[in-house]
Amino acid sequence: MRANISSSLINRVRDKVFDYIHDNNLIYNTSWEDPRIDRELLQLNDESRIVMITSAGCNVLDYLLDNPGSIDTVDINNRQNALLELKKAAISTLDHDDFFSLFGNGRHQHIREVYFDILRRHLPNYAQQFWDDKYYYFLPNTENRSFYFRGTSGNLAWLAHKYMKKNKKLWKNIQLLLQASSLDKQREIFDRIEPDLWNAFSRYIVKRSFTMTLLGVPRPQINLIEHEYTDGLYGYIRENLRKVFTEIPIQDNYFWRVYLTGAYTPKCCPEYLKPTNYESLKGCIHRISIHNLTINDFLKRNPDIYTHYILLDHQDWLAWNDPRALSNEWDLILRNSKTGSRILMRSAGNKIDYLQKDIFKNLRFYPELTNSLHKKDRVGTYKSLHFAEVIR
């Protein structure tokens, strides 16, 4: 009994720490889902009306390149929305060189002038309040600490970056890995990297729940991972890293490049950062509407028929922490959908069997398609991908 009480107390403390960090910080400075896979599933067009979670806003802008009619992004962390607001303002007012300096290089030589003289006036009040204090995230400095080494996930990437650079052999091999021109070469280099990467210290760090909190991973997802892996978080991360770096070409894997180096390159970056797509973004940036709400609250306040829902992995958390909100969310999604509306979500587990059975009656899933595409995922942090169409 005493052990159960102690375990329950520890879990409550962990949840409080997670809530505090998420309520008071920018967590994601880049989106950690592969839009190349998503866009293949979503099949967006000018009649598409999307509801999605904001995250870092990267994929919102990537989807915009497919010319949807509208995108409503929601996030209960208004700092994530403030980041997308800054990207919107930059696209609306800056040329591509300045835009890429900010969100490609993660720094700008004249960020104070660019922010206060140009961008700030195009931001809503809550975003102004955030960036007035945090514009320094984009300052150039001798420590090479770019915007992508800021925020909680960025801070962790920065520490990992410094740790790897101290080991000259490891850092040299990582640079060679990023330049590899074939999977055979990647495998050869990663085999040299792996022993240096996983020592006692790094294994200790990845097993800490606080580390996962900084990465935005809530306790329910940690429980899912530890339930399915005998080595827990360490086994999960090690397996996924090996898959990403030995089975998927590295040349355009901008997700891992930015967290290893702190910047994208012109050839290895999200589609929204490429100069050939910039004018298209400028022409339709007004189609994005940003809401500091939950999906439930958004659908209650904005009832309508939407064609696409992009839910990321937040239902893992809802299933554990608020099953009633999960049920209400699905009721609202189905009420605000039509036959053929598409729903995309991810999970830290193999299955999403936490959904109520009556929900599945209204959905047609395509596991063969998602399983095939999931193998091409350049990120590799989710265990499963799920795509469904509404049926009546």
Protein backbone atom coordinates (compact mmCIF):
# COMPACT_ATOMS: atom_id res chain seq x y z
CA MET A 1 0.00 0.00 0.00
CA ARG A 2 2.79 2.44 0.95
CA ALA A 3 4.55 1.74 -2.37
CA ASN A 4 1.34 2.47 -4.30
CA ILE A 5 0.85 5.76 -2.44
CA SER A 6 4.47 6.73 -3.10
CA SER A 7 4.16 5.86 -6.81
CA SER A 8 0.92 7.82 -7.08
CA LEU A 9 2.52 10.85 -5.41
CA ILE A 10 5.53 10.70 -7.76
CA ASN A 11 3.20 10.54 -10.77
CA ARG A 12 1.19 13.53 -9.55
CA VAL A 13 4.39 15.51 -9.08
CA ARG A 14 5.57 14.54 -12.57
CA ASP A 15 2.25 15.64 -14.04
CA LYS A 16 2.43 18.95 -12.19
CA VAL A 17 5.94 19.55 -13.54
CA PHE A 18 4.77 18.67 -17.05
CA ASP A 19 1.79 21.03 -16.77
CA TYR A 20 3.96 23.84 -15.39
CA ILE A 21 6.52 23.53 -18.18
CA HIS A 22 3.87 23.35 -20.89
CA ASP A 23 1.89 26.23 -19.47
CA ASN A 24 4.89 28.57 -19.26
CA ASN A 25 7.22 27.79 -22.16
CA LEU A 26 7.58 27.42 -25.88
CA ILE A 27 7.96 23.66 -26.23
CA TYR A 28 8.31 23.00 -29.96
CA ASN A 29 10.39 25.28 -32.15
CA THR A 30 9.89 23.00 -35.16
CA SER A 31 7.15 20.52 -36.02
CA TRP A 32 8.09 16.92 -35.43
CA GLU A 33 5.76 15.23 -37.95
CA ASP A 34 6.62 14.49 -41.57
CA PRO A 35 4.33 16.54 -43.87
CA ARG A 36 5.47 14.66 -46.96
CA ILE A 37 3.63 11.61 -45.64
CA ASP A 38 0.70 13.68 -44.41
CA ARG A 39 0.07 15.44 -47.71
CA GLU A 40 0.05 12.11 -49.53
CA LEU A 41 -2.73 10.94 -47.22
CA LEU A 42 -4.69 14.17 -46.92
CA GLN A 43 -4.95 14.97 -50.65
CA LEU A 44 -5.67 18.65 -50.03
CA ASN A 45 -7.26 20.97 -52.60
CA ASP A 46 -8.98 24.35 -52.77
CA GLU A 47 -12.14 22.93 -51.16
CA SER A 48 -10.30 21.61 -48.11
CA ARG A 49 -11.15 23.09 -44.73
CA ILE A 50 -8.61 21.99 -42.16
CA VAL A 51 -8.72 21.91 -38.36
CA MET A 52 -5.35 21.08 -36.81
CA ILE A 53 -3.11 21.51 -33.80
CA THR A 54 -0.62 24.34 -34.27
CA SER A 55 2.55 22.84 -32.77
CA ALA A 56 5.39 24.97 -34.26
CA GLY A 57 3.40 25.96 -37.34
CA CYS A 58 5.83 24.39 -39.83
CA ASN A 59 3.35 21.86 -41.15
CA VAL A 60 0.56 24.43 -41.24
CA LEU A 61 2.66 26.29 -43.81
CA ASP A 62 3.57 23.11 -45.67
CA TYR A 63 -0.11 22.18 -46.05
CA LEU A 64 -0.83 25.71 -47.24
CA LEU A 65 1.26 24.97 -50.34
CA ASP A 66 -1.51 22.60 -51.48
CA ASN A 67 -3.89 25.55 -51.68
CA PRO A 68 -6.57 24.55 -49.13
CA GLY A 69 -9.57 26.81 -48.70
CA SER A 70 -8.84 27.44 -45.01
CA ILE A 71 -6.73 26.24 -42.11
CA ASP A 72 -7.86 26.73 -38.51
CA THR A 73 -5.03 25.96 -36.09
CA VAL A 74 -5.65 25.48 -32.39
CA ASP A 75 -3.33 25.15 -29.43
CA ILE A 76 -3.85 25.61 -25.70
CA ASN A 77 -0.22 26.77 -25.41
CA ASN A 78 -0.43 30.31 -26.77
CA ARG A 79 3.37 30.41 -27.15
CA GLN A 80 3.07 27.86 -29.95
CA ASN A 81 0.48 30.08 -31.58
CA ALA A 82 2.73 33.11 -31.06
CA LEU A 83 5.40 31.33 -33.08
CA LEU A 84 3.04 30.75 -35.99
CA GLU A 85 1.89 34.38 -35.73
CA LEU A 86 5.54 35.47 -36.09
CA LYS A 87 5.95 33.25 -39.17
CA LYS A 88 2.77 34.69 -40.68
CA ALA A 89 3.96 38.25 -40.06
CA ALA A 90 7.37 37.47 -41.55
CA ILE A 91 5.89 35.91 -44.69
CA SER A 92 3.59 38.89 -45.14
CA THR A 93 6.30 41.55 -44.78
CA LEU A 94 9.81 40.19 -45.44
CA ASP A 95 11.66 39.04 -48.51
CA HIS A 96 12.81 35.44 -48.70
CA ASP A 97 16.38 36.12 -47.64
CA ASP A 98 15.26 37.68 -44.37
CA PHE A 99 12.66 34.97 -43.84
CA PHE A 100 15.23 32.21 -44.35
CA SER A 101 17.66 33.97 -42.01
CA LEU A 102 15.03 33.79 -39.29
CA PHE A 103 13.59 30.33 -39.79
CA GLY A 104 16.23 28.61 -41.90
CA ASN A 105 19.40 29.75 -40.14
CA GLY A 106 17.59 30.45 -36.87
CA ARG A 107 19.26 33.85 -36.48
CA HIS A 108 19.22 37.33 -38.03
CA GLN A 109 21.97 39.94 -37.99
CA HIS A 110 19.44 42.73 -37.42
CA ILE A 111 16.73 40.93 -35.49
CA ARG A 112 15.99 43.82 -33.11
CA GLU A 113 15.29 46.23 -35.98
CA VAL A 114 13.41 43.63 -38.03
CA TYR A 115 11.24 42.67 -35.09
CA PHE A 116 10.45 46.08 -33.56
CA ASP A 117 10.33 48.10 -36.81
CA ILE A 118 8.52 45.60 -39.06
CA LEU A 119 7.12 42.42 -37.53
CA ARG A 120 5.75 43.54 -34.18
CA ARG A 121 2.92 45.68 -35.51
CA HIS A 122 1.52 42.69 -37.40
CA LEU A 123 1.19 40.55 -34.27
CA PRO A 124 -1.78 40.25 -31.91
CA ASN A 125 -1.21 41.43 -28.35
CA TYR A 126 -0.45 38.04 -26.81
CA ALA A 127 2.20 37.35 -29.47
CA GLN A 128 3.73 40.81 -28.99
CA GLN A 129 4.03 40.16 -25.27
CA PHE A 130 5.85 36.91 -25.89
CA TRP A 131 8.25 38.08 -28.61
CA ASP A 132 9.01 41.41 -26.92
CA ASP A 133 10.81 39.30 -24.32
CA LYS A 134 12.03 36.51 -26.59
CA TYR A 135 13.13 38.17 -29.84
CA TYR A 136 16.69 37.49 -28.63
CA TYR A 137 16.09 33.83 -29.59
CA PHE A 138 17.18 34.92 -33.10
CA LEU A 139 20.24 36.95 -32.09
CA PRO A 140 23.50 35.93 -33.77
CA ASN A 141 26.17 35.05 -31.24
CA THR A 142 29.47 33.29 -30.94
CA GLU A 143 27.99 30.27 -29.15
CA ASN A 144 26.12 29.18 -32.29
CA ARG A 145 22.91 29.05 -30.27
CA SER A 146 20.27 29.58 -32.92
CA PHE A 147 16.49 29.77 -32.51
CA TYR A 148 16.43 25.99 -32.94
CA PHE A 149 18.39 25.67 -29.72
CA ARG A 150 15.72 27.64 -27.82
CA GLY A 151 12.50 26.59 -26.08
CA THR A 152 12.40 23.44 -23.98
CA SER A 153 12.99 20.94 -26.80
CA GLY A 154 15.60 23.27 -28.28
CA ASN A 155 17.39 23.60 -24.95
CA LEU A 156 17.68 19.83 -24.80
CA ALA A 157 18.96 19.75 -28.39
CA TRP A 158 21.52 22.41 -27.45
CA LEU A 159 22.82 20.33 -24.54
CA ALA A 160 23.02 17.26 -26.77
CA HIS A 161 24.81 19.33 -29.43
CA LYS A 162 27.42 20.53 -26.93
CA TYR A 163 27.83 17.02 -25.54
CA MET A 164 28.44 15.54 -29.01
CA LYS A 165 30.86 18.27 -30.07
CA LYS A 166 33.05 17.55 -27.04
CA ASN A 167 33.68 14.09 -28.47
CA LYS A 168 35.65 15.01 -31.60
CA LYS A 169 35.40 11.54 -33.14
CA LEU A 170 31.64 11.41 -32.57
CA TRP A 171 31.10 14.89 -33.98
CA LYS A 172 33.22 14.17 -37.05
CA ASN A 173 31.18 11.04 -37.74
CA ILE A 174 27.89 12.92 -37.31
CA GLN A 175 29.04 15.47 -39.89
CA LEU A 176 29.99 12.62 -42.23
CA LEU A 177 26.59 11.03 -41.64
CA LEU A 178 24.79 14.22 -42.68
CA GLN A 179 26.83 14.23 -45.90
CA ALA A 180 26.29 10.53 -46.71
CA SER A 181 25.13 9.90 -50.27
CA SER A 182 23.75 6.37 -49.85
CA LEU A 183 22.07 4.14 -47.29
CA ASP A 184 25.07 1.81 -47.29
CA LYS A 185 27.28 4.73 -46.34
CA GLN A 186 24.82 5.83 -43.66
CA ARG A 187 24.84 2.35 -42.12
CA GLU A 188 28.61 2.22 -42.15
CA ILE A 189 28.92 5.59 -40.41
CA PHE A 190 26.11 5.00 -37.92
CA ASP A 191 27.74 1.74 -36.83
CA ARG A 192 30.71 3.88 -35.82
CA ILE A 193 28.52 6.48 -34.12
CA GLU A 194 26.30 4.22 -32.04
CA PRO A 195 28.87 3.00 -29.46
CA ASP A 196 29.93 6.59 -28.74
CA LEU A 197 26.34 7.80 -28.66
CA TRP A 198 25.04 5.35 -26.08
CA ASN A 199 27.23 5.48 -23.01
CA ALA A 200 26.12 5.29 -19.38
CA PHE A 201 25.47 9.04 -19.18
CA SER A 202 23.29 9.29 -22.32
CA ARG A 203 21.32 6.18 -21.31
CA TYR A 204 20.68 7.74 -17.92
CA ILE A 205 19.48 11.01 -19.47
CA VAL A 206 16.99 9.46 -21.92
CA LYS A 207 15.46 7.35 -19.15
CA ARG A 208 14.54 10.43 -17.10
CA SER A 209 10.90 11.52 -17.25
CA PHE A 210 12.05 15.15 -16.95
CA THR A 211 13.97 14.79 -20.21
CA MET A 212 10.82 13.57 -21.92
CA THR A 213 8.86 16.46 -20.40
CA LEU A 214 11.25 18.94 -22.04
CA LEU A 215 10.57 17.18 -25.35
CA GLY A 216 6.81 17.49 -24.81
CA VAL A 217 6.20 13.82 -24.03
CA PRO A 218 3.51 13.41 -21.32
CA ARG A 219 3.43 10.56 -18.82
CA PRO A 220 0.68 8.60 -20.64
CA GLN A 221 2.93 8.32 -23.69
CA ILE A 222 5.89 7.35 -21.53
CA ASN A 223 3.70 4.60 -20.02
CA LEU A 224 2.75 3.38 -23.50
CA ILE A 225 6.40 3.17 -24.51
CA GLU A 226 7.55 1.47 -21.32
CA HIS A 227 4.71 -1.04 -21.60
CA GLU A 228 5.82 -2.11 -25.09
CA TYR A 229 9.63 -2.00 -24.64
CA THR A 230 11.59 -4.06 -22.14
CA ASP A 231 14.31 -1.36 -22.20
CA GLY A 232 11.70 1.39 -21.87
CA LEU A 233 12.50 4.83 -23.23
CA TYR A 234 16.11 3.96 -23.95
CA GLY A 235 15.12 0.96 -26.07
CA TYR A 236 12.46 2.94 -27.89
CA ILE A 237 14.73 5.86 -28.75
CA ARG A 238 17.68 3.66 -29.69
CA GLU A 239 15.55 1.55 -32.05
CA ASN A 240 14.00 4.60 -33.70
CA LEU A 241 17.32 6.39 -34.17
CA ARG A 242 18.84 3.34 -35.82
CA LYS A 243 15.85 3.08 -38.15
CA VAL A 244 15.96 6.77 -39.11
CA PHE A 245 19.68 6.88 -39.76
CA THR A 246 20.12 3.50 -41.46
CA GLU A 247 16.87 2.90 -43.36
CA ILE A 248 15.81 6.37 -44.57
CA PRO A 249 17.98 8.64 -46.79
CA ILE A 250 19.56 11.45 -44.79
CA GLN A 251 19.97 13.97 -47.65
CA ASP A 252 16.56 15.60 -47.10
CA ASN A 253 15.99 14.70 -43.47
CA TYR A 254 15.75 18.26 -42.24
CA PHE A 255 14.15 17.19 -38.95
CA TRP A 256 17.31 15.66 -37.55
CA ARG A 257 19.66 18.07 -39.31
CA VAL A 258 18.17 21.08 -37.52
CA TYR A 259 18.41 19.49 -34.08
CA LEU A 260 21.93 18.20 -34.67
CA THR A 261 23.32 21.45 -36.12
CA GLY A 262 20.90 24.22 -35.11
CA ALA A 263 19.99 25.20 -38.67
CA TYR A 264 18.57 24.04 -41.97
CA THR A 265 20.37 24.38 -45.29
CA PRO A 266 18.80 25.66 -48.52
CA LYS A 267 18.81 22.09 -49.86
CA CYS A 268 17.69 20.40 -46.65
CA CYS A 269 14.76 22.32 -45.20
CA PRO A 270 10.95 22.25 -45.06
CA GLU A 271 9.11 23.07 -48.28
CA TYR A 272 7.77 26.31 -46.82
CA LEU A 273 11.33 27.64 -46.54
CA LYS A 274 12.25 27.10 -50.17
CA PRO A 275 12.40 30.25 -52.35
CA THR A 276 10.30 28.65 -55.12
CA ASN A 277 7.36 28.38 -52.71
CA TYR A 278 7.62 31.79 -51.05
CA GLU A 279 5.36 33.80 -53.34
CA SER A 280 2.71 31.10 -53.09
CA LEU A 281 2.79 31.40 -49.30
CA LYS A 282 2.52 35.17 -49.47
CA GLY A 283 -0.55 34.87 -51.69
CA CYS A 284 -2.52 32.62 -49.34
CA ILE A 285 -1.13 33.28 -45.85
CA HIS A 286 -4.44 35.00 -44.96
CA ARG A 287 -6.20 31.63 -45.10
CA ILE A 288 -4.66 30.63 -41.75
CA SER A 289 -6.66 31.44 -38.61
CA ILE A 290 -5.05 30.85 -35.21
CA HIS A 291 -7.00 30.04 -32.03
CA ASN A 292 -5.86 29.78 -28.40
CA LEU A 293 -8.31 26.98 -27.68
CA THR A 294 -8.71 23.24 -27.37
CA ILE A 295 -10.19 21.39 -30.34
CA ASN A 296 -13.34 20.87 -28.28
CA ASP A 297 -13.76 24.57 -27.59
CA PHE A 298 -12.96 25.52 -31.16
CA LEU A 299 -15.63 23.20 -32.59
CA LYS A 300 -18.19 24.35 -30.03
CA ARG A 301 -17.60 28.00 -30.95
CA ASN A 302 -17.17 27.43 -34.69
CA PRO A 303 -19.62 24.71 -35.72
CA ASP A 304 -19.33 23.97 -39.44
CA ILE A 305 -18.38 21.21 -41.84
CA TYR A 306 -14.64 20.59 -41.99
CA THR A 307 -12.95 18.22 -44.41
CA HIS A 308 -9.69 17.47 -42.57
CA TYR A 309 -8.63 17.03 -38.95
CA ILE A 310 -4.94 16.71 -38.05
CA LEU A 311 -4.77 15.66 -34.42
CA LEU A 312 -1.05 14.85 -33.96
CA ASP A 313 -0.69 12.63 -30.87
CA HIS A 314 -2.71 14.54 -28.30
CA GLN A 315 -5.34 11.81 -28.01
CA ASP A 316 -2.79 9.61 -26.23
CA TRP A 317 -2.81 12.22 -23.47
CA LEU A 318 -6.58 12.71 -23.47
CA ALA A 319 -7.26 8.98 -23.23
CA TRP A 320 -5.26 8.84 -20.01
CA ASN A 321 -6.04 12.18 -18.39
CA ASP A 322 -9.52 13.12 -19.56
CA PRO A 323 -11.52 10.30 -21.21
CA ARG A 324 -14.67 12.42 -21.12
CA ALA A 325 -12.97 15.18 -23.13
CA LEU A 326 -11.78 12.53 -25.59
CA SER A 327 -15.33 11.28 -26.05
CA ASN A 328 -16.65 14.83 -26.42
CA GLU A 329 -13.96 15.64 -28.97
CA TRP A 330 -14.95 12.74 -31.19
CA ASP A 331 -18.61 13.64 -30.87
CA LEU A 332 -17.80 17.18 -32.03
CA ILE A 333 -15.51 16.00 -34.83
CA LEU A 334 -18.17 13.67 -36.23
CA ARG A 335 -20.87 16.34 -35.91
CA ASN A 336 -18.71 18.80 -37.81
CA SER A 337 -17.72 16.38 -40.57
CA LYS A 338 -19.22 14.98 -43.73
CA THR A 339 -18.87 11.62 -45.40
CA GLY A 340 -15.29 11.45 -46.60
CA SER A 341 -13.84 13.93 -44.10
CA ARG A 342 -10.29 12.81 -43.33
CA ILE A 343 -8.66 12.41 -39.94
CA LEU A 344 -4.94 11.98 -39.30
CA MET A 345 -3.33 11.12 -35.95
CA ARG A 346 -0.23 9.57 -34.47
CA SER A 347 0.51 7.59 -31.32
CA ALA A 348 3.39 6.51 -29.12
CA GLY A 349 1.76 3.06 -29.05
CA ASN A 350 1.13 0.47 -31.72
CA LYS A 351 -2.65 0.89 -31.52
CA ILE A 352 -5.28 3.46 -30.63
CA ASP A 353 -7.51 0.92 -28.93
CA TYR A 354 -8.42 3.48 -26.29
CA LEU A 355 -11.10 4.89 -28.62
CA GLN A 356 -14.68 3.90 -27.85
CA LYS A 357 -16.07 1.18 -30.10
CA ASP A 358 -18.94 3.34 -31.37
CA ILE A 359 -16.37 5.81 -32.77
CA PHE A 360 -14.90 3.11 -35.01
CA LYS A 361 -18.37 2.54 -36.50
CA ASN A 362 -18.15 5.99 -38.06
CA LEU A 363 -14.63 5.64 -39.43
CA ARG A 364 -12.85 3.66 -42.11
CA PHE A 365 -9.15 3.17 -41.40
CA TYR A 366 -6.47 2.32 -43.97
CA PRO A 367 -3.80 0.39 -42.03
CA GLU A 368 -2.04 -1.05 -45.07
CA LEU A 369 -1.54 2.43 -46.49
CA THR A 370 -0.42 4.02 -43.23
CA ASN A 371 1.88 1.13 -42.31
CA SER A 372 3.62 1.47 -45.67
CA LEU A 373 4.00 5.23 -45.42
CA HIS A 374 5.05 5.13 -41.78
CA LYS A 375 8.16 3.19 -42.81
CA LYS A 376 9.23 6.26 -44.81
CA ASP A 377 8.73 8.69 -41.91
CA ARG A 378 11.86 10.84 -41.66
CA VAL A 379 11.23 11.70 -38.01
CA GLY A 380 10.85 8.28 -36.43
CA THR A 381 9.58 9.41 -33.02
CA TYR A 382 6.07 7.93 -33.23
CA LYS A 383 5.28 4.25 -33.02
CA SER A 384 2.23 4.39 -35.27
CA LEU A 385 0.34 6.50 -37.82
CA HIS A 386 -3.44 6.38 -38.26
CA PHE A 387 -5.59 7.74 -41.07
CA ALA A 388 -9.36 7.44 -41.35
CA GLU A 389 -12.29 8.70 -43.41
CA VAL A 390 -15.70 9.46 -41.94
CA ILE A 391 -18.46 7.10 -43.09
CA ARG A 392 -22.19 7.43 -42.47
